[in-house]
C-alpha atoms as a PDB file:
ATOM      1  CA  MET A   1      62.417 148.578  99.966  1.00  0.00           C
ATOM      2  CA  ALA A   2      62.058 144.593  99.626  1.00  0.00           C
ATOM      3  CA  ILE A   3      58.524 143.377  97.934  1.00  0.00           C
ATOM      4  CA  VAL A   4      57.779 139.766  98.574  1.00  0.00           C
ATOM      5  CA  GLY A   5      55.096 137.859  97.186  1.00  0.00           C
ATOM      6  CA  GLY A   6      53.018 134.738  96.163  1.00  0.00           C
ATOM      7  CA  LEU A   7      51.072 134.313  92.578  1.00  0.00           C
ATOM      8  CA  ASP A   8      49.066 131.282  92.164  1.00  0.00           C
ATOM      9  CA  ILE A   9      48.322 131.003  88.304  1.00  0.00           C
ATOM     10  CA  HIS A  10      45.225 129.842  86.673  1.00  0.00           C
ATOM     11  CA  ARG A  11      43.603 130.387  82.857  1.00  0.00           C
ATOM     12  CA  ARG A  12      41.451 132.725  83.642  1.00  0.00           C
ATOM     13  CA  GLN A  13      42.594 134.306  86.701  1.00  0.00           C
ATOM     14  CA  ILE A  14      46.459 135.250  88.995  1.00  0.00           C
ATOM     15  CA  THR A  15      45.743 135.363  92.775  1.00  0.00           C
ATOM     16  CA  TYR A  16      48.587 137.620  93.791  1.00  0.00           C
ATOM     17  CA  ASP A  17      49.788 138.331  97.564  1.00  0.00           C
ATOM     18  CA  TRP A  18      52.355 140.691  98.822  1.00  0.00           C
ATOM     19  CA  ILE A  19      54.033 142.206 101.658  1.00  0.00           C
ATOM     20  CA  ASP A  20      56.533 144.927 102.175  1.00  0.00           C
ATOM     21  CA  THR A  21      59.660 143.883 104.218  1.00  0.00           C
ATOM     22  CA  THR A  22      59.405 147.555 104.887  1.00  0.00           C
ATOM     23  CA  THR A  23      56.470 148.680 106.310  1.00  0.00           C
ATOM     24  CA  GLY A  24      54.477 145.175 107.170  1.00  0.00           C
ATOM     25  CA  GLU A  25      51.887 145.862 104.612  1.00  0.00           C
ATOM     26  CA  THR A  26      50.065 143.420 102.965  1.00  0.00           C
ATOM     27  CA  ARG A  27      48.211 143.360  99.831  1.00  0.00           C
ATOM     28  CA  ARG A  28      46.107 140.757  97.970  1.00  0.00           C
ATOM     29  CA  GLY A  29      43.356 140.224  94.975  1.00  0.00           C
ATOM     30  CA  GLN A  30      42.833 138.725  91.737  1.00  0.00           C
ATOM     31  CA  LEU A  31      44.034 140.065  88.178  1.00  0.00           C
ATOM     32  CA  SER A  32      41.584 139.019  85.427  1.00  0.00           C
ATOM     33  CA  PRO A  33      42.296 137.777  82.700  1.00  0.00           C
ATOM     34  CA  ALA A  34      45.814 135.903  83.186  1.00  0.00           C
ATOM     35  CA  THR A  35      47.220 137.900  80.189  1.00  0.00           C
ATOM     36  CA  ARG A  36      50.727 139.475  79.742  1.00  0.00           C
ATOM     37  CA  LEU A  37      49.363 142.821  79.153  1.00  0.00           C
ATOM     38  CA  GLU A  38      47.452 142.471  82.212  1.00  0.00           C
ATOM     39  CA  LEU A  39      49.908 141.158  84.201  1.00  0.00           C
ATOM     40  CA  ARG A  40      52.276 143.752  82.223  1.00  0.00           C
ATOM     41  CA  GLY A  41      50.815 146.698  83.731  1.00  0.00           C
ATOM     42  CA  TRP A  42      50.846 145.205  87.314  1.00  0.00           C
ATOM     43  CA  PHE A  43      54.020 144.634  87.611  1.00  0.00           C
ATOM     44  CA  ALA A  44      54.196 148.732  86.663  1.00  0.00           C
ATOM     45  CA  ARG A  45      53.465 149.361  90.339  1.00  0.00           C
ATOM     46  CA  PHE A  46      56.776 148.040  91.871  1.00  0.00           C
ATOM     47  CA  THR A  47      59.135 150.215  89.720  1.00  0.00           C
ATOM     48  CA  GLY A  48      62.160 150.740  90.986  1.00  0.00           C
ATOM     49  CA  GLN A  49      61.682 148.703  93.990  1.00  0.00           C
ATOM     50  CA  GLN A  50      62.849 145.094  94.963  1.00  0.00           C
ATOM     51  CA  ALA A  51      60.395 142.344  94.278  1.00  0.00           C
ATOM     52  CA  ASP A  52      60.429 138.729  94.267  1.00  0.00           C
ATOM     53  CA  PHE A  53      57.459 136.935  93.357  1.00  0.00           C
ATOM     54  CA  ALA A  54      56.967 132.379  94.124  1.00  0.00           C
ATOM     55  CA  LEU A  55      55.110 130.467  91.700  1.00  0.00           C
ATOM     56  CA  GLU A  56      54.159 127.124  91.570  1.00  0.00           C
ATOM     57  CA  ALA A  57      56.347 125.439  88.317  1.00  0.00           C
ATOM     58  CA  THR A  58      52.829 124.102  86.528  1.00  0.00           C
ATOM     59  CA  THR A  59      51.254 125.724  83.050  1.00  0.00           C
ATOM     60  CA  GLY A  60      51.413 128.725  82.480  1.00  0.00           C
ATOM     61  CA  TRP A  61      54.295 129.760  84.653  1.00  0.00           C
ATOM     62  CA  ARG A  62      56.706 130.559  81.669  1.00  0.00           C
ATOM     63  CA  PHE A  63      54.989 133.845  80.336  1.00  0.00           C
ATOM     64  CA  VAL A  64      54.838 134.869  84.358  1.00  0.00           C
ATOM     65  CA  ALA A  65      58.985 134.370  84.531  1.00  0.00           C
ATOM     66  CA  GLU A  66      59.209 136.574  81.740  1.00  0.00           C
ATOM     67  CA  GLU A  67      57.278 139.428  82.584  1.00  0.00           C
ATOM     68  CA  LEU A  68      59.241 139.588  85.827  1.00  0.00           C
ATOM     69  CA  GLU A  69      62.308 139.077  84.112  1.00  0.00           C
ATOM     70  CA  CYS A  70      61.521 142.189  81.848  1.00  0.00           C
ATOM     71  CA  ALA A  71      60.315 143.756  84.612  1.00  0.00           C
ATOM     72  CA  GLY A  72      63.695 143.742  86.898  1.00  0.00           C
ATOM     73  CA  PHE A  73      62.348 141.158  89.524  1.00  0.00           C
ATOM     74  CA  ARG A  74      62.883 137.709  90.185  1.00  0.00           C
ATOM     75  CA  ALA A  75      60.678 134.591  89.615  1.00  0.00           C
ATOM     76  CA  HIS A  76      61.372 131.568  92.298  1.00  0.00           C
ATOM     77  CA  LEU A  77      59.811 129.011  91.095  1.00  0.00           C
ATOM     78  CA  ALA A  78      58.293 126.150  93.147  1.00  0.00           C
ATOM     79  CA  GLU A  79      58.043 122.400  93.064  1.00  0.00           C
ATOM     80  CA  PRO A  80      54.371 121.829  93.414  1.00  0.00           C
ATOM     81  CA  ALA A  81      54.553 118.725  95.068  1.00  0.00           C
ATOM     82  CA  ASP A  82      57.299 119.483  97.905  1.00  0.00           C
ATOM     83  CA  THR A  83      55.255 123.243  98.414  1.00  0.00           C
ATOM     84  CA  ARG A  84      51.673 120.871  99.292  1.00  0.00           C
ATOM     85  CA  ALA A  85      53.482 118.691 101.146  1.00  0.00           C
ATOM     86  CA  LEU A  86      54.735 121.623 103.250  1.00  0.00           C
ATOM     87  CA  ARG A  87      51.664 122.450 104.453  1.00  0.00           C
ATOM     88  CA  GLY A  88      50.975 119.865 106.792  1.00  0.00           C
ATOM     89  CA  PRO A  89      49.498 116.661 107.429  1.00  0.00           C
ATOM     90  CA  LYS A  90      46.549 117.955 108.589  1.00  0.00           C
ATOM     91  CA  ARG A  91      43.281 119.073 106.384  1.00  0.00           C
ATOM     92  CA  ARG A  92      42.406 122.727 106.112  1.00  0.00           C
ATOM     93  CA  ALA A  93      40.875 125.516 104.056  1.00  0.00           C
ATOM     94  CA  LYS A  94      42.396 125.608 100.561  1.00  0.00           C
ATOM     95  CA  THR A  95      41.261 128.196  98.573  1.00  0.00           C
ATOM     96  CA  ASP A  96      43.409 130.499  95.913  1.00  0.00           C
ATOM     97  CA  ARG A  97      43.851 132.808  98.412  1.00  0.00           C
ATOM     98  CA  THR A  98      45.358 130.452 100.689  1.00  0.00           C
ATOM     99  CA  ASP A  99      48.061 128.915  97.622  1.00  0.00           C
ATOM    100  CA  ALA A 100      49.053 132.457  97.520  1.00  0.00           C
ATOM    101  CA  ARG A 101      49.919 133.365 100.929  1.00  0.00           C
ATOM    102  CA  HIS A 102      51.361 129.942 101.655  1.00  0.00           C
ATOM    103  CA  LEU A 103      54.653 130.629  98.878  1.00  0.00           C
ATOM    104  CA  ARG A 104      54.939 134.372 100.116  1.00  0.00           C
ATOM    105  CA  GLU A 105      55.727 133.097 103.066  1.00  0.00           C
ATOM    106  CA  LEU A 106      57.683 130.293 102.381  1.00  0.00           C
ATOM    107  CA  LEU A 107      59.705 132.644 100.143  1.00  0.00           C
ATOM    108  CA  ARG A 108      60.459 135.307 103.045  1.00  0.00           C
ATOM    109  CA  ALA A 109      60.969 132.594 105.335  1.00  0.00           C
ATOM    110  CA  GLY A 110      63.516 130.445 102.597  1.00  0.00           C
ATOM    111  CA  THR A 111      62.139 127.353 102.968  1.00  0.00           C
ATOM    112  CA  LEU A 112      60.468 127.409  99.418  1.00  0.00           C
ATOM    113  CA  PRO A 113      61.192 124.038  97.447  1.00  0.00           C
ATOM    114  CA  GLU A 114      62.627 125.773  93.963  1.00  0.00           C
ATOM    115  CA  SER A 115      62.801 124.255  91.197  1.00  0.00           C
ATOM    116  CA  TRP A 116      65.606 124.874  88.333  1.00  0.00           C
ATOM    117  CA  MET A 117      63.986 127.336  85.745  1.00  0.00           C
ATOM    118  CA  PRO A 118      65.535 126.601  82.162  1.00  0.00           C
ATOM    119  CA  PRO A 119      66.664 129.055  79.317  1.00  0.00           C
ATOM    120  CA  ALA A 120      64.281 130.180  76.926  1.00  0.00           C
ATOM    121  CA  HIS A 121      66.123 127.587  74.023  1.00  0.00           C
ATOM    122  CA  ILE A 122      65.989 124.861  76.256  1.00  0.00           C
ATOM    123  CA  ALA A 123      62.214 124.707  77.541  1.00  0.00           C
ATOM    124  CA  ASP A 124      61.781 125.485  73.386  1.00  0.00           C
ATOM    125  CA  ALA A 125      63.542 122.490  72.808  1.00  0.00           C
ATOM    126  CA  ARG A 126      61.186 120.364  75.546  1.00  0.00           C
ATOM    127  CA  THR A 127      57.993 121.826  73.531  1.00  0.00           C
ATOM    128  CA  GLN A 128      59.260 120.244  70.431  1.00  0.00           C
ATOM    129  CA  VAL A 129      60.137 116.830  71.851  1.00  0.00           C
ATOM    130  CA  ARG A 130      56.599 116.626  73.664  1.00  0.00           C
ATOM    131  CA  LEU A 131      54.961 117.028  70.342  1.00  0.00           C
ATOM    132  CA  ARG A 132      56.497 114.821  68.693  1.00  0.00           C
ATOM    133  CA  ARG A 133      55.528 112.631  71.228  1.00  0.00           C
ATOM    134  CA  ALA A 134      52.149 113.382  71.260  1.00  0.00           C
ATOM    135  CA  LEU A 135      52.418 113.425  67.478  1.00  0.00           C
ATOM    136  CA  VAL A 136      53.882 109.565  67.595  1.00  0.00           C
ATOM    137  CA  GLY A 137      51.100 108.413  70.502  1.00  0.00           C
ATOM    138  CA  GLU A 138      47.937 109.932  68.003  1.00  0.00           C
ATOM    139  CA  ARG A 139      49.447 108.372  65.057  1.00  0.00           C
ATOM    140  CA  THR A 140      49.802 105.405  66.911  1.00  0.00           C
ATOM    141  CA  GLY A 141      45.891 105.834  68.364  1.00  0.00           C
ATOM    142  CA  TRP A 142      44.800 106.047  64.808  1.00  0.00           C
ATOM    143  CA  TYR A 143      46.500 102.882  63.141  1.00  0.00           C
ATOM    144  CA  GLN A 144      45.202 101.180  65.984  1.00  0.00           C
ATOM    145  CA  ARG A 145      42.198 102.299  65.311  1.00  0.00           C
ATOM    146  CA  ILE A 146      42.102 100.868  61.599  1.00  0.00           C
ATOM    147  CA  HIS A 147      42.996  97.221  63.484  1.00  0.00           C
ATOM    148  CA  ALA A 148      39.889  97.948  65.424  1.00  0.00           C
ATOM    149  CA  ILE A 149      37.727  98.010  62.628  1.00  0.00           C
ATOM    150  CA  LEU A 150      39.009  95.234  60.536  1.00  0.00           C
ATOM    151  CA  PHE A 151      38.545  93.028  63.662  1.00  0.00           C
ATOM    152  CA  HIS A 152      35.222  94.289  64.422  1.00  0.00           C
ATOM    153  CA  HIS A 153      34.014  93.373  60.812  1.00  0.00           C
ATOM    154  CA  GLY A 154      35.858  90.081  61.026  1.00  0.00           C
ATOM    155  CA  LEU A 155      38.558  90.458  58.470  1.00  0.00           C
ATOM    156  CA  PRO A 156      41.870  89.024  59.624  1.00  0.00           C
ATOM    157  CA  GLU A 157      45.166  89.965  61.460  1.00  0.00           C
ATOM    158  CA  ARG A 158      47.559  91.525  59.167  1.00  0.00           C
ATOM    159  CA  SER A 159      50.603  93.772  59.277  1.00  0.00           C
ATOM    160  CA  GLN A 160      52.439  96.076  57.513  1.00  0.00           C
ATOM    161  CA  LEU A 161      49.105  98.255  56.979  1.00  0.00           C
ATOM    162  CA  LEU A 162      51.157 101.720  55.957  1.00  0.00           C
ATOM    163  CA  THR A 163      53.106  99.738  53.212  1.00  0.00           C
ATOM    164  CA  ALA A 164      52.335 100.283  49.469  1.00  0.00           C
ATOM    165  CA  ASP A 165      51.390  96.247  50.123  1.00  0.00           C
ATOM    166  CA  GLY A 166      49.320  96.727  53.139  1.00  0.00           C
ATOM    167  CA  ARG A 167      47.620 100.068  51.455  1.00  0.00           C
ATOM    168  CA  ALA A 168      46.844  98.015  48.353  1.00  0.00           C
ATOM    169  CA  TRP A 169      45.377  95.411  50.782  1.00  0.00           C
ATOM    170  CA  LEU A 170      43.202  97.344  52.831  1.00  0.00           C
ATOM    171  CA  ALA A 171      41.085  99.272  49.752  1.00  0.00           C
ATOM    172  CA  ARG A 172      39.605  95.353  48.154  1.00  0.00           C
ATOM    173  CA  ALA A 173      38.753  94.228  51.503  1.00  0.00           C
ATOM    174  CA  GLU A 174      35.780  94.089  52.078  1.00  0.00           C
ATOM    175  CA  LEU A 175      33.827  96.761  54.025  1.00  0.00           C
ATOM    176  CA  PRO A 176      30.395  99.045  54.995  1.00  0.00           C
ATOM    177  CA  ALA A 177      30.929 102.285  53.431  1.00  0.00           C
ATOM    178  CA  VAL A 178      30.594 103.873  57.082  1.00  0.00           C
ATOM    179  CA  ALA A 179      33.548 101.556  57.646  1.00  0.00           C
ATOM    180  CA  ARG A 180      35.345 101.776  54.759  1.00  0.00           C
ATOM    181  CA  GLN A 181      34.710 106.196  55.003  1.00  0.00           C
ATOM    182  CA  ALA A 182      36.845 105.715  58.650  1.00  0.00           C
ATOM    183  CA  VAL A 183      39.982 103.780  57.601  1.00  0.00           C
ATOM    184  CA  GLU A 184      40.409 106.526  54.780  1.00  0.00           C
ATOM    185  CA  LEU A 185      39.888 109.197  57.129  1.00  0.00           C
ATOM    186  CA  ALA A 186      42.254 107.192  59.492  1.00  0.00           C
ATOM    187  CA  LEU A 187      45.169 107.078  56.542  1.00  0.00           C
ATOM    188  CA  ARG A 188      44.597 110.743  55.644  1.00  0.00           C
ATOM    189  CA  MET A 189      45.552 111.731  59.493  1.00  0.00           C
ATOM    190  CA  ILE A 190      48.607 109.077  59.437  1.00  0.00           C
ATOM    191  CA  ASP A 191      49.661 111.235  56.403  1.00  0.00           C
ATOM    192  CA  HIS A 192      48.951 114.390  57.834  1.00  0.00           C
ATOM    193  CA  LEU A 193      51.054 113.589  60.744  1.00  0.00           C
ATOM    194  CA  GLU A 194      54.146 112.301  59.092  1.00  0.00           C
ATOM    195  CA  VAL A 195      54.486 115.605  56.967  1.00  0.00           C
ATOM    196  CA  GLU A 196      54.212 116.964  60.322  1.00  0.00           C
ATOM    197  CA  LEU A 197      56.694 114.177  61.812  1.00  0.00           C
ATOM    198  CA  ASP A 198      59.045 114.971  59.369  1.00  0.00           C
ATOM    199  CA  THR A 199      59.192 118.930  59.361  1.00  0.00           C
ATOM    200  CA  LEU A 200      59.864 117.985  63.718  1.00  0.00           C
ATOM    201  CA  ASP A 201      62.836 115.507  62.931  1.00  0.00           C
ATOM    202  CA  ALA A 202      64.309 117.680  60.733  1.00  0.00           C
ATOM    203  CA  GLN A 203      64.621 120.664  63.664  1.00  0.00           C
ATOM    204  CA  LEU A 204      65.316 118.306  66.301  1.00  0.00           C
ATOM    205  CA  ALA A 205      67.985 116.921  64.068  1.00  0.00           C
ATOM    206  CA  GLY A 206      69.358 120.099  63.487  1.00  0.00           C
ATOM    207  CA  ILE A 207      69.910 120.590  66.977  1.00  0.00           C
ATOM    208  CA  ALA A 208      71.473 117.186  67.587  1.00  0.00           C
ATOM    209  CA  ARG A 209      74.082 117.981  65.059  1.00  0.00           C
ATOM    210  CA  VAL A 210      75.088 121.864  66.843  1.00  0.00           C
ATOM    211  CA  GLN A 211      74.424 121.339  70.312  1.00  0.00           C
ATOM    212  CA  PRO A 212      77.547 120.058  72.188  1.00  0.00           C
ATOM    213  CA  GLY A 213      75.353 118.277  75.069  1.00  0.00           C
ATOM    214  CA  CYS A 214      73.657 116.251  72.260  1.00  0.00           C
ATOM    215  CA  GLN A 215      77.206 115.666  70.828  1.00  0.00           C
ATOM    216  CA  ALA A 216      78.347 114.208  73.726  1.00  0.00           C
ATOM    217  CA  LEU A 217      75.677 111.853  74.184  1.00  0.00           C
ATOM    218  CA  GLN A 218      75.892 110.657  70.518  1.00  0.00           C
ATOM    219  CA  ARG A 219      79.029 109.188  71.624  1.00  0.00           C
ATOM    220  CA  ARG A 220      77.447 107.307  74.253  1.00  0.00           C
ATOM    221  CA  TYR A 221      76.687 103.490  72.618  1.00  0.00           C
ATOM    222  CA  GLY A 222      73.269 103.202  71.705  1.00  0.00           C
ATOM    223  CA  ILE A 223      71.692 106.802  72.291  1.00  0.00           C
ATOM    224  CA  GLY A 224      70.917 108.421  68.308  1.00  0.00           C
ATOM    225  CA  TRP A 225      70.479 112.171  67.737  1.00  0.00           C
ATOM    226  CA  LEU A 226      66.307 112.243  68.796  1.00  0.00           C
ATOM    227  CA  THR A 227      67.072 110.339  72.512  1.00  0.00           C
ATOM    228  CA  ALA A 228      70.525 112.807  72.493  1.00  0.00           C
ATOM    229  CA  VAL A 229      67.738 116.119  72.259  1.00  0.00           C
ATOM    230  CA  ALA A 230      65.233 114.483  74.565  1.00  0.00           C
ATOM    231  CA  ILE A 231      67.366 113.816  77.219  1.00  0.00           C
ATOM    232  CA  TRP A 232      69.647 117.203  76.994  1.00  0.00           C
ATOM    233  CA  ALA A 233      66.516 118.904  76.575  1.00  0.00           C
ATOM    234  CA  GLU A 234      64.920 116.976  79.639  1.00  0.00           C
ATOM    235  CA  PHE A 235      67.814 116.882  82.008  1.00  0.00           C
ATOM    236  CA  GLY A 236      68.878 120.631  81.345  1.00  0.00           C
ATOM    237  CA  ASP A 237      71.825 121.418  83.391  1.00  0.00           C
ATOM    238  CA  VAL A 238      73.027 118.435  85.458  1.00  0.00           C
ATOM    239  CA  ARG A 239      75.305 120.627  87.301  1.00  0.00           C
ATOM    240  CA  ARG A 240      72.490 120.706  89.702  1.00  0.00           C
ATOM    241  CA  PHE A 241      72.685 117.390  90.753  1.00  0.00           C
ATOM    242  CA  ALA A 242      75.347 116.570  93.637  1.00  0.00           C
ATOM    243  CA  ASN A 243      75.313 113.169  92.861  1.00  0.00           C
ATOM    244  CA  SER A 244      74.143 110.300  90.811  1.00  0.00           C
ATOM    245  CA  ARG A 245      71.495 109.683  92.980  1.00  0.00           C
ATOM    246  CA  GLN A 246      69.848 112.532  92.503  1.00  0.00           C
ATOM    247  CA  ALA A 247      69.899 112.356  88.723  1.00  0.00           C
ATOM    248  CA  VAL A 248      68.217 109.212  89.019  1.00  0.00           C
ATOM    249  CA  ARG A 249      65.469 110.262  91.204  1.00  0.00           C
ATOM    250  CA  PHE A 250      64.728 113.300  88.913  1.00  0.00           C
ATOM    251  CA  THR A 251      64.283 110.644  86.271  1.00  0.00           C
ATOM    252  CA  GLY A 252      61.727 109.181  88.415  1.00  0.00           C
ATOM    253  CA  LEU A 253      63.612 105.624  87.743  1.00  0.00           C
ATOM    254  CA  ASP A 254      64.677 105.129  91.609  1.00  0.00           C
ATOM    255  CA  ILE A 255      62.864 102.575  93.421  1.00  0.00           C
ATOM    256  CA  THR A 256      59.963 103.710  96.432  1.00  0.00           C
ATOM    257  CA  ILE A 257      60.437 102.506  99.792  1.00  0.00           C
ATOM    258  CA  SER A 258      57.591 102.226 102.257  1.00  0.00           C
ATOM    259  CA  GLU A 259      58.739 100.540 105.707  1.00  0.00           C
ATOM    260  CA  SER A 260      57.680 100.436 109.492  1.00  0.00           C
ATOM    261  CA  ASP A 261      58.696  98.722 112.541  1.00  0.00           C
ATOM    262  CA  GLY A 262      59.878  95.827 110.405  1.00  0.00           C
ATOM    263  CA  LYS A 263      57.287  95.760 107.855  1.00  0.00           C
ATOM    264  CA  ARG A 264      58.158  96.738 104.157  1.00  0.00           C
ATOM    265  CA  ALA A 265      56.078  97.268 101.645  1.00  0.00           C
ATOM    266  CA  ARG A 266      57.365  95.994  97.859  1.00  0.00           C
ATOM    267  CA  GLY A 267      59.146  98.831  95.978  1.00  0.00           C
ATOM    268  CA  HIS A 268      58.348 100.189  92.606  1.00  0.00           C
ATOM    269  CA  LEU A 269      59.529 102.773  90.353  1.00  0.00           C
ATOM    270  CA  ALA A 270      58.320 106.396  91.648  1.00  0.00           C
ATOM    271  CA  ARG A 271      57.869 107.291  87.959  1.00  0.00           C
ATOM    272  CA  GLN A 272      58.192 111.271  89.468  1.00  0.00           C
ATOM    273  CA  GLY A 273      59.314 113.198  86.711  1.00  0.00           C
ATOM    274  CA  SER A 274      59.352 113.586  83.008  1.00  0.00           C
ATOM    275  CA  PRO A 275      57.985 110.599  80.994  1.00  0.00           C
ATOM    276  CA  VAL A 276      59.723 111.856  77.851  1.00  0.00           C
ATOM    277  CA  LEU A 277      62.895 111.196  79.513  1.00  0.00           C
ATOM    278  CA  ARG A 278      62.183 107.724  80.879  1.00  0.00           C
ATOM    279  CA  TRP A 279      61.145 107.029  77.248  1.00  0.00           C
ATOM    280  CA  ALA A 280      64.370 108.377  75.990  1.00  0.00           C
ATOM    281  CA  LEU A 281      66.392 106.639  78.711  1.00  0.00           C
ATOM    282  CA  HIS A 282      64.510 102.884  78.146  1.00  0.00           C
ATOM    283  CA  GLU A 283      64.850 103.422  74.134  1.00  0.00           C
ATOM    284  CA  ALA A 284      68.677 104.374  74.663  1.00  0.00           C
ATOM    285  CA  ALA A 285      68.921 101.182  77.066  1.00  0.00           C
ATOM    286  CA  MET A 286      66.971  99.291  74.725  1.00  0.00           C
ATOM    287  CA  CYS A 287      69.391 100.195  71.464  1.00  0.00           C
ATOM    288  CA  ALA A 288      72.235  99.581  74.036  1.00  0.00           C
ATOM    289  CA  GLY A 289      71.417  96.188  74.945  1.00  0.00           C
ATOM    290  CA  PRO A 290      72.439  92.903  73.117  1.00  0.00           C
ATOM    291  CA  PRO A 291      69.785  92.016  70.338  1.00  0.00           C
ATOM    292  CA  PRO A 292      67.432  89.129  71.848  1.00  0.00           C
ATOM    293  CA  HIS A 293      68.577  85.332  71.437  1.00  0.00           C
ATOM    294  CA  PRO A 294      66.468  82.901  70.233  1.00  0.00           C
ATOM    295  CA  ARG A 295      64.744  80.420  72.934  1.00  0.00           C
ATOM    296  CA  PRO A 296      67.389  77.062  73.267  1.00  0.00           C
ATOM    297  CA  PRO A 297      65.901  73.779  71.960  1.00  0.00           C
ATOM    298  CA  LEU A 298      64.677  71.556  74.604  1.00  0.00           C
ATOM    299  CA  LEU A 299      67.258  68.818  73.727  1.00  0.00           C
ATOM    300  CA  PRO A 300      70.724  69.309  71.449  1.00  0.00           C
ATOM    301  CA  PRO A 301      70.351  69.318  67.767  1.00  0.00           C
ATOM    302  CA  GLY A 302      69.598  65.290  66.289  1.00  0.00           C
ATOM    303  CA  GLN A 303      69.526  63.867  69.758  1.00  0.00           C
ATOM    304  CA  THR A 304      66.543  61.619  71.898  1.00  0.00           C
ATOM    305  CA  ALA A 305      66.217  61.313  75.683  1.00  0.00           C
ATOM    306  CA  ALA A 306      67.034  58.366  75.627  1.00  0.00           C
ATOM    307  CA  GLY A 307      70.267  59.007  74.080  1.00  0.00           C
ATOM    308  CA  TRP A 308      71.278  61.940  76.104  1.00  0.00           C
ATOM    309  CA  GLN A 309      70.139  60.031  79.441  1.00  0.00           C
ATOM    310  CA  ALA A 310      72.532  57.153  78.313  1.00  0.00           C
ATOM    311  CA  GLY A 311      75.716  59.822  78.120  1.00  0.00           C
ATOM    312  CA  ARG A 312      74.544  60.745  81.911  1.00  0.00           C
ATOM    313  CA  ALA A 313      75.067  56.920  82.821  1.00  0.00           C
ATOM    314  CA  VAL A 314      78.650  57.070  81.095  1.00  0.00           C
ATOM    315  CA  GLY A 315      79.690  60.108  82.397  1.00  0.00           C
ATOM    316  CA  ARG A 316      80.143  62.099  78.843  1.00  0.00           C
ATOM    317  CA  PRO A 317      79.752  65.687  79.865  1.00  0.00           C
ATOM    318  CA  GLN A 318      77.075  67.508  77.133  1.00  0.00           C
ATOM    319  CA  ALA A 319      75.020  70.047  77.202  1.00  0.00           C
ATOM    320  CA  GLY A 320      71.757  69.442  78.954  1.00  0.00           C
ATOM    321  CA  PRO A 321      68.080  70.869  78.208  1.00  0.00           C
ATOM    322  CA  ARG A 322      66.171  73.099  80.761  1.00  0.00           C
ATOM    323  CA  GLY A 323      65.018  71.677  83.738  1.00  0.00           C
ATOM    324  CA  LEU A 324      67.193  68.534  83.838  1.00  0.00           C
ATOM    325  CA  PRO A 325      70.210  68.011  86.123  1.00  0.00           C
ATOM    326  CA  HIS A 326      72.852  69.521  84.872  1.00  0.00           C
ATOM    327  CA  PRO A 327      75.330  66.370  83.106  1.00  0.00           C
ATOM    328  CA  THR A 328      78.559  67.061  84.471  1.00  0.00           C
ATOM    329  CA  ARG A 329      76.780  66.646  88.325  1.00  0.00           C
ATOM    330  CA  ALA A 330      74.991  63.238  87.489  1.00  0.00           C
ATOM    331  CA  ARG A 331      74.416  60.839  90.498  1.00  0.00           C
ATOM    332  CA  ARG A 332      76.625  57.443  90.083  1.00  0.00           C
ATOM    333  CA  PRO A 333      74.971  54.906  88.293  1.00  0.00           C
ATOM    334  CA  GLY A 334      72.507  52.715  89.743  1.00  0.00           C
ATOM    335  CA  ALA A 335      71.235  55.319  92.261  1.00  0.00           C
ATOM    336  CA  GLY A 336      67.648  55.019  93.481  1.00  0.00           C
ATOM    337  CA  PRO A 337      65.368  58.133  93.296  1.00  0.00           C
ATOM    338  CA  ARG A 338      66.186  61.495  94.491  1.00  0.00           C
ATOM    339  CA  ARG A 339      64.853  61.936  97.886  1.00  0.00           C
ATOM    340  CA  PRO A 340      62.655  65.457  98.131  1.00  0.00           C
ATOM    341  CA  PRO A 341      64.137  67.933  99.922  1.00  0.00           C
ATOM    342  CA  ASN A 342      62.489  68.253 103.895  1.00  0.00           C
ATOM    343  CA  ARG A 343      61.220  71.700 103.592  1.00  0.00           C
ATOM    344  CA  ARG A 344      60.547  71.745 107.247  1.00  0.00           C
ATOM    345  CA  LEU A 345      63.598  71.076 108.493  1.00  0.00           C
ATOM    346  CA  ASN A 346      65.655  73.408 106.080  1.00  0.00           C
ATOM    347  CA  ARG A 347      63.043  76.544 107.729  1.00  0.00           C
ATOM    348  CA  ILE A 348      64.534  74.947 110.836  1.00  0.00           C
ATOM    349  CA  GLY A 349      67.727  75.759 109.706  1.00  0.00           C
ATOM    350  CA  HIS A 350      67.482  78.940 108.403  1.00  0.00           C
ATOM    351  CA  ARG A 351      65.830  79.796 111.758  1.00  0.00           C
ATOM    352  CA  ALA A 352      68.856  78.926 113.429  1.00  0.00           C
ATOM    353  CA  HIS A 353      71.224  80.177 111.148  1.00  0.00           C
ATOM    354  CA  LEU A 354      69.683  83.603 111.460  1.00  0.00           C
ATOM    355  CA  GLY A 355      69.484  83.049 115.704  1.00  0.00           C
ATOM    356  CA  ALA A 356      65.472  83.415 115.622  1.00  0.00           C
END
């Protein structure tokens, strides 16, 4: 006897729809509240039977998958976007019951777009990495609030406000009482966030030291311990990717394409996937890239425009400034002004070359 079902998970309730493939019996209903104990008691009715349940990879999937595994059943994690796309373009009634039935039908037909289910240790590492990113964003928000208060009261712009000199300058700044209270509160919140970030950093650094995948990533130039843990946790088991294109699509760094009858819209990054993974890859690329070079001067040091033009006349090869012709490709002395290009003829020649 085999049970095939779908579970639509929400914060207050879980809607279920299952079918007994042997007898054809179907049942549907709701479990409330959506807790472990309520779900564990409901799974007890299927003891001794083979059961497979599909659920979407949304918030709350982890405890449901864990309870299914503890009960001896199989959990199938569905990709939400692909599952929604399989409904079709027609507008139909969408309720919790239809969502659960849709999952059950896809699972029974073998067309459920399944997502990879990370093990517990990788899921925990993901939680820690995303928590750190959230704390860093909150700390940045408090720091920007301080700058906004200073600008609102007409104080000059100043960087590095969190250093000893910056805090001393803030203490001497002339601010109203309410603004002073807001600045001091922001500083206290930043200090508290720094303590929490230090704790998280110590835990993530410990993972980077002992995890083989993180050690292998750190051997790549530009990847440190933090980005190594983030990439390892967000990617998970890379053996599930058949080629590099699938890995790029998983990160959301692929270029979208919209084409119809010879018309092709300009593509952009898909940004489908984990923002933390894209952040880690961007940081690694920026660290591995060359340092920024200073902007070259318009003219070589110690040389005037007249001297540079004289050097061109006698044919001496010199480094030319930006926006001027290359010195080694200068026209002969005494030649008249260069004729502007005939853009119309160029367009006609280009069409003739294309066979238009």
